[in-house]
mmCIF file of all heavy atoms, coordinates in Angstrom:
data_MODEL
# 
_entry.id   MODEL 
# 
loop_
_atom_site.group_PDB 
_atom_site.id 
_atom_site.type_symbol 
_atom_site.label_atom_id 
_atom_site.label_alt_id 
_atom_site.label_comp_id 
_atom_site.label_asym_id 
_atom_site.label_entity_id 
_atom_site.label_seq_id 
_atom_site.pdbx_PDB_ins_code 
_atom_site.Cartn_x 
_atom_site.Cartn_y 
_atom_site.Cartn_z 
_atom_site.occupancy 
_atom_site.B_iso_or_equiv 
_atom_site.pdbx_formal_charge 
_atom_site.auth_seq_id 
_atom_site.auth_comp_id 
_atom_site.auth_asym_id 
_atom_site.auth_atom_id 
_atom_site.pdbx_PDB_model_num 
ATOM 1   N N   . ALA A 1 1  ? -8.387  -12.624 -7.028  1.00 0.00 ? 1  ALA A N   1 
ATOM 2   C CA  . ALA A 1 1  ? -9.607  -12.701 -7.943  1.00 0.00 ? 1  ALA A CA  1 
ATOM 3   C C   . ALA A 1 1  ? -9.724  -11.354 -8.722  1.00 0.00 ? 1  ALA A C   1 
ATOM 4   O O   . ALA A 1 1  ? -10.074 -11.263 -9.919  1.00 0.00 ? 1  ALA A O   1 
ATOM 5   C CB  . ALA A 1 1  ? -10.821 -13.065 -7.368  1.00 0.00 ? 1  ALA A CB  1 
ATOM 6   N N   . LYS A 1 2  ? -9.453  -10.334 -7.934  1.00 0.00 ? 2  LYS A N   1 
ATOM 7   C CA  . LYS A 1 2  ? -9.572  -8.928  -8.556  1.00 0.00 ? 2  LYS A CA  1 
ATOM 8   C C   . LYS A 1 2  ? -8.097  -8.307  -8.952  1.00 0.00 ? 2  LYS A C   1 
ATOM 9   O O   . LYS A 1 2  ? -8.130  -7.144  -9.254  1.00 0.00 ? 2  LYS A O   1 
ATOM 10  C CB  . LYS A 1 2  ? -10.307 -8.016  -7.509  1.00 0.00 ? 2  LYS A CB  1 
ATOM 11  C CG  . LYS A 1 2  ? -11.676 -8.508  -7.176  1.00 0.00 ? 2  LYS A CG  1 
ATOM 12  C CD  . LYS A 1 2  ? -12.509 -7.487  -6.353  1.00 0.00 ? 2  LYS A CD  1 
ATOM 13  C CE  . LYS A 1 2  ? -13.842 -8.044  -6.036  1.00 0.00 ? 2  LYS A CE  1 
ATOM 14  N NZ  . LYS A 1 2  ? -14.513 -7.134  -5.080  1.00 0.00 ? 2  LYS A NZ  1 
ATOM 15  N N   . ASN A 1 3  ? -7.107  -9.077  -8.652  1.00 0.00 ? 3  ASN A N   1 
ATOM 16  C CA  . ASN A 1 3  ? -5.764  -8.518  -9.078  1.00 0.00 ? 3  ASN A CA  1 
ATOM 17  C C   . ASN A 1 3  ? -5.438  -7.202  -8.265  1.00 0.00 ? 3  ASN A C   1 
ATOM 18  O O   . ASN A 1 3  ? -4.858  -6.349  -8.906  1.00 0.00 ? 3  ASN A O   1 
ATOM 19  C CB  . ASN A 1 3  ? -5.681  -8.270  -10.600 1.00 0.00 ? 3  ASN A CB  1 
ATOM 20  C CG  . ASN A 1 3  ? -5.884  -9.582  -11.429 1.00 0.00 ? 3  ASN A CG  1 
ATOM 21  O OD1 . ASN A 1 3  ? -5.449  -10.526 -11.096 1.00 0.00 ? 3  ASN A OD1 1 
ATOM 22  N ND2 . ASN A 1 3  ? -6.483  -9.373  -12.511 1.00 0.00 ? 3  ASN A ND2 1 
ATOM 23  N N   . ARG A 1 4  ? -5.776  -7.292  -7.010  1.00 0.00 ? 4  ARG A N   1 
ATOM 24  C CA  . ARG A 1 4  ? -5.537  -6.107  -6.179  1.00 0.00 ? 4  ARG A CA  1 
ATOM 25  C C   . ARG A 1 4  ? -4.724  -6.460  -4.873  1.00 0.00 ? 4  ARG A C   1 
ATOM 26  O O   . ARG A 1 4  ? -4.727  -7.591  -4.524  1.00 0.00 ? 4  ARG A O   1 
ATOM 27  C CB  . ARG A 1 4  ? -6.891  -5.581  -5.681  1.00 0.00 ? 4  ARG A CB  1 
ATOM 28  C CG  . ARG A 1 4  ? -7.624  -4.882  -6.774  1.00 0.00 ? 4  ARG A CG  1 
ATOM 29  C CD  . ARG A 1 4  ? -9.009  -4.263  -6.203  1.00 0.00 ? 4  ARG A CD  1 
ATOM 30  N NE  . ARG A 1 4  ? -9.563  -3.464  -7.123  1.00 0.00 ? 4  ARG A NE  1 
ATOM 31  C CZ  . ARG A 1 4  ? -9.417  -2.198  -7.494  1.00 0.00 ? 4  ARG A CZ  1 
ATOM 32  N NH1 . ARG A 1 4  ? -8.522  -1.523  -6.853  1.00 0.00 ? 4  ARG A NH1 1 
ATOM 33  N NH2 . ARG A 1 4  ? -10.064 -1.547  -8.428  1.00 0.00 ? 4  ARG A NH2 1 
ATOM 34  N N   . ALA A 1 5  ? -3.935  -5.438  -4.551  1.00 0.00 ? 5  ALA A N   1 
ATOM 35  C CA  . ALA A 1 5  ? -3.233  -5.425  -3.266  1.00 0.00 ? 5  ALA A CA  1 
ATOM 36  C C   . ALA A 1 5  ? -3.726  -4.320  -2.438  1.00 0.00 ? 5  ALA A C   1 
ATOM 37  O O   . ALA A 1 5  ? -3.848  -3.213  -2.958  1.00 0.00 ? 5  ALA A O   1 
ATOM 38  C CB  . ALA A 1 5  ? -1.803  -5.263  -3.533  1.00 0.00 ? 5  ALA A CB  1 
ATOM 39  N N   . ASN A 1 6  ? -4.212  -4.597  -1.200  1.00 0.00 ? 6  ASN A N   1 
ATOM 40  C CA  . ASN A 1 6  ? -4.810  -3.552  -0.344  1.00 0.00 ? 6  ASN A CA  1 
ATOM 41  C C   . ASN A 1 6  ? -3.947  -3.321  0.935   1.00 0.00 ? 6  ASN A C   1 
ATOM 42  O O   . ASN A 1 6  ? -3.125  -4.067  1.363   1.00 0.00 ? 6  ASN A O   1 
ATOM 43  C CB  . ASN A 1 6  ? -6.200  -4.090  0.112   1.00 0.00 ? 6  ASN A CB  1 
ATOM 44  C CG  . ASN A 1 6  ? -7.250  -4.278  -1.073  1.00 0.00 ? 6  ASN A CG  1 
ATOM 45  O OD1 . ASN A 1 6  ? -7.196  -3.455  -1.993  1.00 0.00 ? 6  ASN A OD1 1 
ATOM 46  N ND2 . ASN A 1 6  ? -7.957  -5.379  -0.948  1.00 0.00 ? 6  ASN A ND2 1 
ATOM 47  N N   . LEU A 1 7  ? -4.120  -2.045  1.351   1.00 0.00 ? 7  LEU A N   1 
ATOM 48  C CA  . LEU A 1 7  ? -3.425  -1.743  2.591   1.00 0.00 ? 7  LEU A CA  1 
ATOM 49  C C   . LEU A 1 7  ? -4.470  -1.154  3.511   1.00 0.00 ? 7  LEU A C   1 
ATOM 50  O O   . LEU A 1 7  ? -4.973  -0.027  3.278   1.00 0.00 ? 7  LEU A O   1 
ATOM 51  C CB  . LEU A 1 7  ? -2.291  -0.694  2.371   1.00 0.00 ? 7  LEU A CB  1 
ATOM 52  C CG  . LEU A 1 7  ? -1.454  -0.334  3.523   1.00 0.00 ? 7  LEU A CG  1 
ATOM 53  C CD1 . LEU A 1 7  ? -0.610  -1.382  4.113   1.00 0.00 ? 7  LEU A CD1 1 
ATOM 54  C CD2 . LEU A 1 7  ? -0.458  0.836   3.301   1.00 0.00 ? 7  LEU A CD2 1 
ATOM 55  N N   . GLN A 1 8  ? -4.866  -1.727  4.644   1.00 0.00 ? 8  GLN A N   1 
ATOM 56  C CA  . GLN A 1 8  ? -5.723  -1.370  5.594   1.00 0.00 ? 8  GLN A CA  1 
ATOM 57  C C   . GLN A 1 8  ? -4.876  -0.535  6.689   1.00 0.00 ? 8  GLN A C   1 
ATOM 58  O O   . GLN A 1 8  ? -4.041  -1.071  7.290   1.00 0.00 ? 8  GLN A O   1 
ATOM 59  C CB  . GLN A 1 8  ? -6.550  -2.395  6.252   1.00 0.00 ? 8  GLN A CB  1 
ATOM 60  C CG  . GLN A 1 8  ? -7.388  -2.039  7.445   1.00 0.00 ? 8  GLN A CG  1 
ATOM 61  C CD  . GLN A 1 8  ? -8.433  -1.067  6.923   1.00 0.00 ? 8  GLN A CD  1 
ATOM 62  O OE1 . GLN A 1 8  ? -9.211  -1.424  6.041   1.00 0.00 ? 8  GLN A OE1 1 
ATOM 63  N NE2 . GLN A 1 8  ? -8.576  0.004   7.579   1.00 0.00 ? 8  GLN A NE2 1 
ATOM 64  N N   . MET A 1 9  ? -5.218  0.812   6.849   1.00 0.00 ? 9  MET A N   1 
ATOM 65  C CA  . MET A 1 9  ? -4.474  1.537   7.836   1.00 0.00 ? 9  MET A CA  1 
ATOM 66  C C   . MET A 1 9  ? -5.264  2.025   8.994   1.00 0.00 ? 9  MET A C   1 
ATOM 67  O O   . MET A 1 9  ? -6.338  2.677   8.561   1.00 0.00 ? 9  MET A O   1 
ATOM 68  C CB  . MET A 1 9  ? -3.910  2.776   6.989   1.00 0.00 ? 9  MET A CB  1 
ATOM 69  C CG  . MET A 1 9  ? -2.939  2.458   5.854   1.00 0.00 ? 9  MET A CG  1 
ATOM 70  S SD  . MET A 1 9  ? -2.217  3.983   5.073   1.00 0.00 ? 9  MET A SD  1 
ATOM 71  C CE  . MET A 1 9  ? -3.731  4.747   4.378   1.00 0.00 ? 9  MET A CE  1 
ATOM 72  N N   . ASN A 1 10 ? -4.943  1.741   10.183  1.00 0.00 ? 10 ASN A N   1 
ATOM 73  C CA  . ASN A 1 10 ? -5.729  2.046   11.343  1.00 0.00 ? 10 ASN A CA  1 
ATOM 74  C C   . ASN A 1 10 ? -4.824  2.889   12.176  1.00 0.00 ? 10 ASN A C   1 
ATOM 75  O O   . ASN A 1 10 ? -3.661  2.935   12.132  1.00 0.00 ? 10 ASN A O   1 
ATOM 76  C CB  . ASN A 1 10 ? -6.217  0.825   11.987  1.00 0.00 ? 10 ASN A CB  1 
ATOM 77  C CG  . ASN A 1 10 ? -7.118  -0.049  11.262  1.00 0.00 ? 10 ASN A CG  1 
ATOM 78  O OD1 . ASN A 1 10 ? -8.025  0.480   10.492  1.00 0.00 ? 10 ASN A OD1 1 
ATOM 79  N ND2 . ASN A 1 10 ? -6.977  -1.434  11.358  1.00 0.00 ? 10 ASN A ND2 1 
ATOM 80  N N   . SER A 1 11 ? -5.514  3.586   13.187  1.00 0.00 ? 11 SER A N   1 
ATOM 81  C CA  . SER A 1 11 ? -4.869  4.370   14.151  1.00 0.00 ? 11 SER A CA  1 
ATOM 82  C C   . SER A 1 11 ? -3.839  5.327   13.487  1.00 0.00 ? 11 SER A C   1 
ATOM 83  O O   . SER A 1 11 ? -2.676  5.436   13.941  1.00 0.00 ? 11 SER A O   1 
ATOM 84  C CB  . SER A 1 11 ? -4.197  3.487   15.211  1.00 0.00 ? 11 SER A CB  1 
ATOM 85  O OG  . SER A 1 11 ? -5.159  2.656   15.843  1.00 0.00 ? 11 SER A OG  1 
ATOM 86  N N   . LEU A 1 12 ? -4.239  5.944   12.511  1.00 0.00 ? 12 LEU A N   1 
ATOM 87  C CA  . LEU A 1 12 ? -3.393  6.832   11.622  1.00 0.00 ? 12 LEU A CA  1 
ATOM 88  C C   . LEU A 1 12 ? -2.844  8.023   12.453  1.00 0.00 ? 12 LEU A C   1 
ATOM 89  O O   . LEU A 1 12 ? -3.478  8.670   13.402  1.00 0.00 ? 12 LEU A O   1 
ATOM 90  C CB  . LEU A 1 12 ? -4.067  7.409   10.412  1.00 0.00 ? 12 LEU A CB  1 
ATOM 91  C CG  . LEU A 1 12 ? -4.220  6.283   9.369   1.00 0.00 ? 12 LEU A CG  1 
ATOM 92  C CD1 . LEU A 1 12 ? -5.240  6.710   8.336   1.00 0.00 ? 12 LEU A CD1 1 
ATOM 93  C CD2 . LEU A 1 12 ? -2.951  6.011   8.559   1.00 0.00 ? 12 LEU A CD2 1 
ATOM 94  N N   . LYS A 1 13 ? -1.569  8.444   12.248  1.00 0.00 ? 13 LYS A N   1 
ATOM 95  C CA  . LYS A 1 13 ? -0.880  9.392   12.899  1.00 0.00 ? 13 LYS A CA  1 
ATOM 96  C C   . LYS A 1 13 ? -0.368  10.472  11.778  1.00 0.00 ? 13 LYS A C   1 
ATOM 97  O O   . LYS A 1 13 ? -0.286  10.166  10.657  1.00 0.00 ? 13 LYS A O   1 
ATOM 98  C CB  . LYS A 1 13 ? 0.413   8.836   13.536  1.00 0.00 ? 13 LYS A CB  1 
ATOM 99  C CG  . LYS A 1 13 ? 0.172   7.717   14.530  1.00 0.00 ? 13 LYS A CG  1 
ATOM 100 C CD  . LYS A 1 13 ? 1.484   7.147   15.096  1.00 0.00 ? 13 LYS A CD  1 
ATOM 101 C CE  . LYS A 1 13 ? 1.291   5.984   15.944  1.00 0.00 ? 13 LYS A CE  1 
ATOM 102 N NZ  . LYS A 1 13 ? 2.545   5.431   16.442  1.00 0.00 ? 13 LYS A NZ  1 
ATOM 103 N N   . PRO A 1 14 ? -0.250  11.792  12.293  1.00 0.00 ? 14 PRO A N   1 
ATOM 104 C CA  . PRO A 1 14 ? 0.381   12.744  11.243  1.00 0.00 ? 14 PRO A CA  1 
ATOM 105 C C   . PRO A 1 14 ? 1.544   12.322  10.593  1.00 0.00 ? 14 PRO A C   1 
ATOM 106 O O   . PRO A 1 14 ? 1.651   12.654  9.446   1.00 0.00 ? 14 PRO A O   1 
ATOM 107 C CB  . PRO A 1 14 ? 0.496   13.994  12.270  1.00 0.00 ? 14 PRO A CB  1 
ATOM 108 C CG  . PRO A 1 14 ? -0.499  13.785  13.333  1.00 0.00 ? 14 PRO A CG  1 
ATOM 109 C CD  . PRO A 1 14 ? -0.465  12.134  13.698  1.00 0.00 ? 14 PRO A CD  1 
ATOM 110 N N   . GLU A 1 15 ? 2.382   11.606  11.215  1.00 0.00 ? 15 GLU A N   1 
ATOM 111 C CA  . GLU A 1 15 ? 3.711   11.118  10.570  1.00 0.00 ? 15 GLU A CA  1 
ATOM 112 C C   . GLU A 1 15 ? 3.379   10.134  9.448   1.00 0.00 ? 15 GLU A C   1 
ATOM 113 O O   . GLU A 1 15 ? 4.429   9.790   8.752   1.00 0.00 ? 15 GLU A O   1 
ATOM 114 C CB  . GLU A 1 15 ? 4.661   10.679  11.552  1.00 0.00 ? 15 GLU A CB  1 
ATOM 115 C CG  . GLU A 1 15 ? 4.135   9.578   12.530  1.00 0.00 ? 15 GLU A CG  1 
ATOM 116 C CD  . GLU A 1 15 ? 3.681   10.228  13.805  1.00 0.00 ? 15 GLU A CD  1 
ATOM 117 O OE1 . GLU A 1 15 ? 3.014   11.233  13.911  1.00 0.00 ? 15 GLU A OE1 1 
ATOM 118 O OE2 . GLU A 1 15 ? 4.093   9.718   14.939  1.00 0.00 ? 15 GLU A OE2 1 
ATOM 119 N N   . ASP A 1 16 ? 2.259   9.550   9.405   1.00 0.00 ? 16 ASP A N   1 
ATOM 120 C CA  . ASP A 1 16 ? 1.823   8.782   8.228   1.00 0.00 ? 16 ASP A CA  1 
ATOM 121 C C   . ASP A 1 16 ? 1.596   9.528   6.853   1.00 0.00 ? 16 ASP A C   1 
ATOM 122 O O   . ASP A 1 16 ? 1.398   8.841   5.894   1.00 0.00 ? 16 ASP A O   1 
ATOM 123 C CB  . ASP A 1 16 ? 0.652   7.848   8.565   1.00 0.00 ? 16 ASP A CB  1 
ATOM 124 C CG  . ASP A 1 16 ? 0.962   6.859   9.691   1.00 0.00 ? 16 ASP A CG  1 
ATOM 125 O OD1 . ASP A 1 16 ? 2.003   6.197   9.699   1.00 0.00 ? 16 ASP A OD1 1 
ATOM 126 O OD2 . ASP A 1 16 ? 0.072   6.625   10.641  1.00 0.00 ? 16 ASP A OD2 1 
ATOM 127 N N   . THR A 1 17 ? 1.556   10.759  6.968   1.00 0.00 ? 17 THR A N   1 
ATOM 128 C CA  . THR A 1 17 ? 1.257   11.554  5.884   1.00 0.00 ? 17 THR A CA  1 
ATOM 129 C C   . THR A 1 17 ? 2.354   11.391  4.843   1.00 0.00 ? 17 THR A C   1 
ATOM 130 O O   . THR A 1 17 ? 3.557   11.506  5.071   1.00 0.00 ? 17 THR A O   1 
ATOM 131 C CB  . THR A 1 17 ? 1.136   13.053  6.287   1.00 0.00 ? 17 THR A CB  1 
ATOM 132 O OG1 . THR A 1 17 ? -0.004  13.161  7.121   1.00 0.00 ? 17 THR A OG1 1 
ATOM 133 C CG2 . THR A 1 17 ? 0.916   13.914  5.087   1.00 0.00 ? 17 THR A CG2 1 
ATOM 134 N N   . ALA A 1 18 ? 1.930   10.942  3.609   1.00 0.00 ? 18 ALA A N   1 
ATOM 135 C CA  . ALA A 1 18 ? 2.968   10.529  2.479   1.00 0.00 ? 18 ALA A CA  1 
ATOM 136 C C   . ALA A 1 18 ? 2.259   10.335  1.291   1.00 0.00 ? 18 ALA A C   1 
ATOM 137 O O   . ALA A 1 18 ? 1.099   10.151  1.274   1.00 0.00 ? 18 ALA A O   1 
ATOM 138 C CB  . ALA A 1 18 ? 3.828   9.476   2.970   1.00 0.00 ? 18 ALA A CB  1 
ATOM 139 N N   . VAL A 1 19 ? 2.979   10.335  0.214   1.00 0.00 ? 19 VAL A N   1 
ATOM 140 C CA  . VAL A 1 19 ? 2.490   9.696   -0.960  1.00 0.00 ? 19 VAL A CA  1 
ATOM 141 C C   . VAL A 1 19 ? 2.787   8.323   -0.930  1.00 0.00 ? 19 VAL A C   1 
ATOM 142 O O   . VAL A 1 19 ? 3.967   7.854   -0.629  1.00 0.00 ? 19 VAL A O   1 
ATOM 143 C CB  . VAL A 1 19 ? 3.139   10.403  -2.194  1.00 0.00 ? 19 VAL A CB  1 
ATOM 144 C CG1 . VAL A 1 19 ? 2.637   9.587   -3.565  1.00 0.00 ? 19 VAL A CG1 1 
ATOM 145 C CG2 . VAL A 1 19 ? 2.775   11.873  -2.380  1.00 0.00 ? 19 VAL A CG2 1 
ATOM 146 N N   . TYR A 1 20 ? 1.760   7.375   -1.035  1.00 0.00 ? 20 TYR A N   1 
ATOM 147 C CA  . TYR A 1 20 ? 1.914   5.971   -0.975  1.00 0.00 ? 20 TYR A CA  1 
ATOM 148 C C   . TYR A 1 20 ? 1.990   5.288   -2.395  1.00 0.00 ? 20 TYR A C   1 
ATOM 149 O O   . TYR A 1 20 ? 1.049   5.694   -3.208  1.00 0.00 ? 20 TYR A O   1 
ATOM 150 C CB  . TYR A 1 20 ? 0.669   5.351   -0.156  1.00 0.00 ? 20 TYR A CB  1 
ATOM 151 C CG  . TYR A 1 20 ? 0.869   5.633   1.318   1.00 0.00 ? 20 TYR A CG  1 
ATOM 152 C CD1 . TYR A 1 20 ? 0.650   6.884   1.821   1.00 0.00 ? 20 TYR A CD1 1 
ATOM 153 C CD2 . TYR A 1 20 ? 1.127   4.557   2.177   1.00 0.00 ? 20 TYR A CD2 1 
ATOM 154 C CE1 . TYR A 1 20 ? 0.822   7.109   3.100   1.00 0.00 ? 20 TYR A CE1 1 
ATOM 155 C CE2 . TYR A 1 20 ? 1.283   4.657   3.548   1.00 0.00 ? 20 TYR A CE2 1 
ATOM 156 C CZ  . TYR A 1 20 ? 1.082   6.001   4.075   1.00 0.00 ? 20 TYR A CZ  1 
ATOM 157 O OH  . TYR A 1 20 ? 1.328   6.158   5.405   1.00 0.00 ? 20 TYR A OH  1 
ATOM 158 N N   . TYR A 1 21 ? 3.028   4.599   -2.620  1.00 0.00 ? 21 TYR A N   1 
ATOM 159 C CA  . TYR A 1 21 ? 3.160   3.904   -4.022  1.00 0.00 ? 21 TYR A CA  1 
ATOM 160 C C   . TYR A 1 21 ? 3.009   2.366   -3.869  1.00 0.00 ? 21 TYR A C   1 
ATOM 161 O O   . TYR A 1 21 ? 3.482   1.772   -2.993  1.00 0.00 ? 21 TYR A O   1 
ATOM 162 C CB  . TYR A 1 21 ? 4.579   4.245   -4.409  1.00 0.00 ? 21 TYR A CB  1 
ATOM 163 C CG  . TYR A 1 21 ? 4.896   5.692   -4.724  1.00 0.00 ? 21 TYR A CG  1 
ATOM 164 C CD1 . TYR A 1 21 ? 5.444   6.458   -3.699  1.00 0.00 ? 21 TYR A CD1 1 
ATOM 165 C CD2 . TYR A 1 21 ? 4.596   6.260   -5.889  1.00 0.00 ? 21 TYR A CD2 1 
ATOM 166 C CE1 . TYR A 1 21 ? 5.613   7.743   -3.980  1.00 0.00 ? 21 TYR A CE1 1 
ATOM 167 C CE2 . TYR A 1 21 ? 4.910   7.579   -6.121  1.00 0.00 ? 21 TYR A CE2 1 
ATOM 168 C CZ  . TYR A 1 21 ? 5.357   8.213   -5.131  1.00 0.00 ? 21 TYR A CZ  1 
ATOM 169 O OH  . TYR A 1 21 ? 5.739   9.646   -5.361  1.00 0.00 ? 21 TYR A OH  1 
ATOM 170 N N   . CYS A 1 22 ? 2.217   1.992   -4.852  1.00 0.00 ? 22 CYS A N   1 
ATOM 171 C CA  . CYS A 1 22 ? 2.008   0.508   -4.986  1.00 0.00 ? 22 CYS A CA  1 
ATOM 172 C C   . CYS A 1 22 ? 3.237   -0.052  -5.786  1.00 0.00 ? 22 CYS A C   1 
ATOM 173 O O   . CYS A 1 22 ? 3.741   0.501   -6.674  1.00 0.00 ? 22 CYS A O   1 
ATOM 174 C CB  . CYS A 1 22 ? 0.799   0.226   -5.782  1.00 0.00 ? 22 CYS A CB  1 
ATOM 175 S SG  . CYS A 1 22 ? 0.370   -1.524  -6.212  1.00 0.00 ? 22 CYS A SG  1 
ATOM 176 N N   . ASN A 1 23 ? 3.595   -1.318  -5.356  1.00 0.00 ? 23 ASN A N   1 
ATOM 177 C CA  . ASN A 1 23 ? 4.773   -1.967  -6.050  1.00 0.00 ? 23 ASN A CA  1 
ATOM 178 C C   . ASN A 1 23 ? 4.444   -3.392  -6.350  1.00 0.00 ? 23 ASN A C   1 
ATOM 179 O O   . ASN A 1 23 ? 3.655   -4.095  -5.655  1.00 0.00 ? 23 ASN A O   1 
ATOM 180 C CB  . ASN A 1 23 ? 6.052   -1.926  -5.099  1.00 0.00 ? 23 ASN A CB  1 
ATOM 181 C CG  . ASN A 1 23 ? 7.184   -2.866  -5.617  1.00 0.00 ? 23 ASN A CG  1 
ATOM 182 O OD1 . ASN A 1 23 ? 7.232   -4.028  -5.174  1.00 0.00 ? 23 ASN A OD1 1 
ATOM 183 N ND2 . ASN A 1 23 ? 7.883   -2.488  -6.550  1.00 0.00 ? 23 ASN A ND2 1 
ATOM 184 N N   . ALA A 1 24 ? 5.014   -3.912  -7.529  1.00 0.00 ? 24 ALA A N   1 
ATOM 185 C CA  . ALA A 1 24 ? 4.816   -5.344  -7.865  1.00 0.00 ? 24 ALA A CA  1 
ATOM 186 C C   . ALA A 1 24 ? 6.234   -5.798  -8.322  1.00 0.00 ? 24 ALA A C   1 
ATOM 187 O O   . ALA A 1 24 ? 6.836   -5.118  -9.045  1.00 0.00 ? 24 ALA A O   1 
ATOM 188 C CB  . ALA A 1 24 ? 3.829   -5.514  -8.914  1.00 0.00 ? 24 ALA A CB  1 
ATOM 189 N N   . PHE A 1 25 ? 6.597   -6.834  -7.789  1.00 0.00 ? 25 PHE A N   1 
ATOM 190 C CA  . PHE A 1 25 ? 7.875   -7.561  -8.063  1.00 0.00 ? 25 PHE A CA  1 
ATOM 191 C C   . PHE A 1 25 ? 7.704   -8.802  -8.878  1.00 0.00 ? 25 PHE A C   1 
ATOM 192 O O   . PHE A 1 25 ? 6.740   -9.575  -8.492  1.00 0.00 ? 25 PHE A O   1 
ATOM 193 C CB  . PHE A 1 25 ? 8.763   -7.726  -6.935  1.00 0.00 ? 25 PHE A CB  1 
ATOM 194 C CG  . PHE A 1 25 ? 10.241  -8.159  -7.154  1.00 0.00 ? 25 PHE A CG  1 
ATOM 195 C CD1 . PHE A 1 25 ? 11.121  -7.258  -7.616  1.00 0.00 ? 25 PHE A CD1 1 
ATOM 196 C CD2 . PHE A 1 25 ? 10.557  -9.409  -6.968  1.00 0.00 ? 25 PHE A CD2 1 
ATOM 197 C CE1 . PHE A 1 25 ? 12.409  -7.609  -7.975  1.00 0.00 ? 25 PHE A CE1 1 
ATOM 198 C CE2 . PHE A 1 25 ? 11.962  -9.885  -7.334  1.00 0.00 ? 25 PHE A CE2 1 
ATOM 199 C CZ  . PHE A 1 25 ? 12.843  -8.878  -7.726  1.00 0.00 ? 25 PHE A CZ  1 
ATOM 200 N N   . THR A 1 26 ? 8.349   -9.000  -9.980  1.00 0.00 ? 26 THR A N   1 
ATOM 201 C CA  . THR A 1 26 ? 8.020   -10.175 -10.884 1.00 0.00 ? 26 THR A CA  1 
ATOM 202 C C   . THR A 1 26 ? 9.094   -11.207 -10.943 1.00 0.00 ? 26 THR A C   1 
ATOM 203 O O   . THR A 1 26 ? 10.247  -10.971 -10.395 1.00 0.00 ? 26 THR A O   1 
ATOM 204 C CB  . THR A 1 26 ? 7.795   -9.585  -12.313 1.00 0.00 ? 26 THR A CB  1 
ATOM 205 O OG1 . THR A 1 26 ? 8.914   -9.006  -12.708 1.00 0.00 ? 26 THR A OG1 1 
ATOM 206 C CG2 . THR A 1 26 ? 6.543   -8.770  -12.351 1.00 0.00 ? 26 THR A CG2 1 
ATOM 207 N N   . VAL A 1 27 ? 8.689   -12.418 -11.449 1.00 0.00 ? 27 VAL A N   1 
ATOM 208 C CA  . VAL A 1 27 ? 9.652   -13.538 -11.410 1.00 0.00 ? 27 VAL A CA  1 
ATOM 209 C C   . VAL A 1 27 ? 10.977  -13.266 -12.213 1.00 0.00 ? 27 VAL A C   1 
ATOM 210 O O   . VAL A 1 27 ? 12.042  -13.941 -11.908 1.00 0.00 ? 27 VAL A O   1 
ATOM 211 C CB  . VAL A 1 27 ? 8.870   -14.804 -11.985 1.00 0.00 ? 27 VAL A CB  1 
ATOM 212 C CG1 . VAL A 1 27 ? 8.687   -14.587 -13.372 1.00 0.00 ? 27 VAL A CG1 1 
ATOM 213 C CG2 . VAL A 1 27 ? 9.659   -16.024 -11.645 1.00 0.00 ? 27 VAL A CG2 1 
ATOM 214 N N   . ASP A 1 28 ? 10.925  -12.403 -13.176 1.00 0.00 ? 28 ASP A N   1 
ATOM 215 C CA  . ASP A 1 28 ? 12.167  -12.052 -13.859 1.00 0.00 ? 28 ASP A CA  1 
ATOM 216 C C   . ASP A 1 28 ? 12.888  -10.747 -13.283 1.00 0.00 ? 28 ASP A C   1 
ATOM 217 O O   . ASP A 1 28 ? 13.622  -10.097 -13.978 1.00 0.00 ? 28 ASP A O   1 
ATOM 218 C CB  . ASP A 1 28 ? 11.812  -11.799 -15.307 1.00 0.00 ? 28 ASP A CB  1 
ATOM 219 C CG  . ASP A 1 28 ? 10.824  -10.651 -15.518 1.00 0.00 ? 28 ASP A CG  1 
ATOM 220 O OD1 . ASP A 1 28 ? 9.965   -10.324 -14.579 1.00 0.00 ? 28 ASP A OD1 1 
ATOM 221 O OD2 . ASP A 1 28 ? 10.636  -10.203 -16.666 1.00 0.00 ? 28 ASP A OD2 1 
# 
């Protein structure tokens, strides 16, 4: 409904440190 994709991250660790990129793959 809001055209969104979410990522809930729990129990985070130092090794999770990064730049996080959103991706969308299309029918074509």
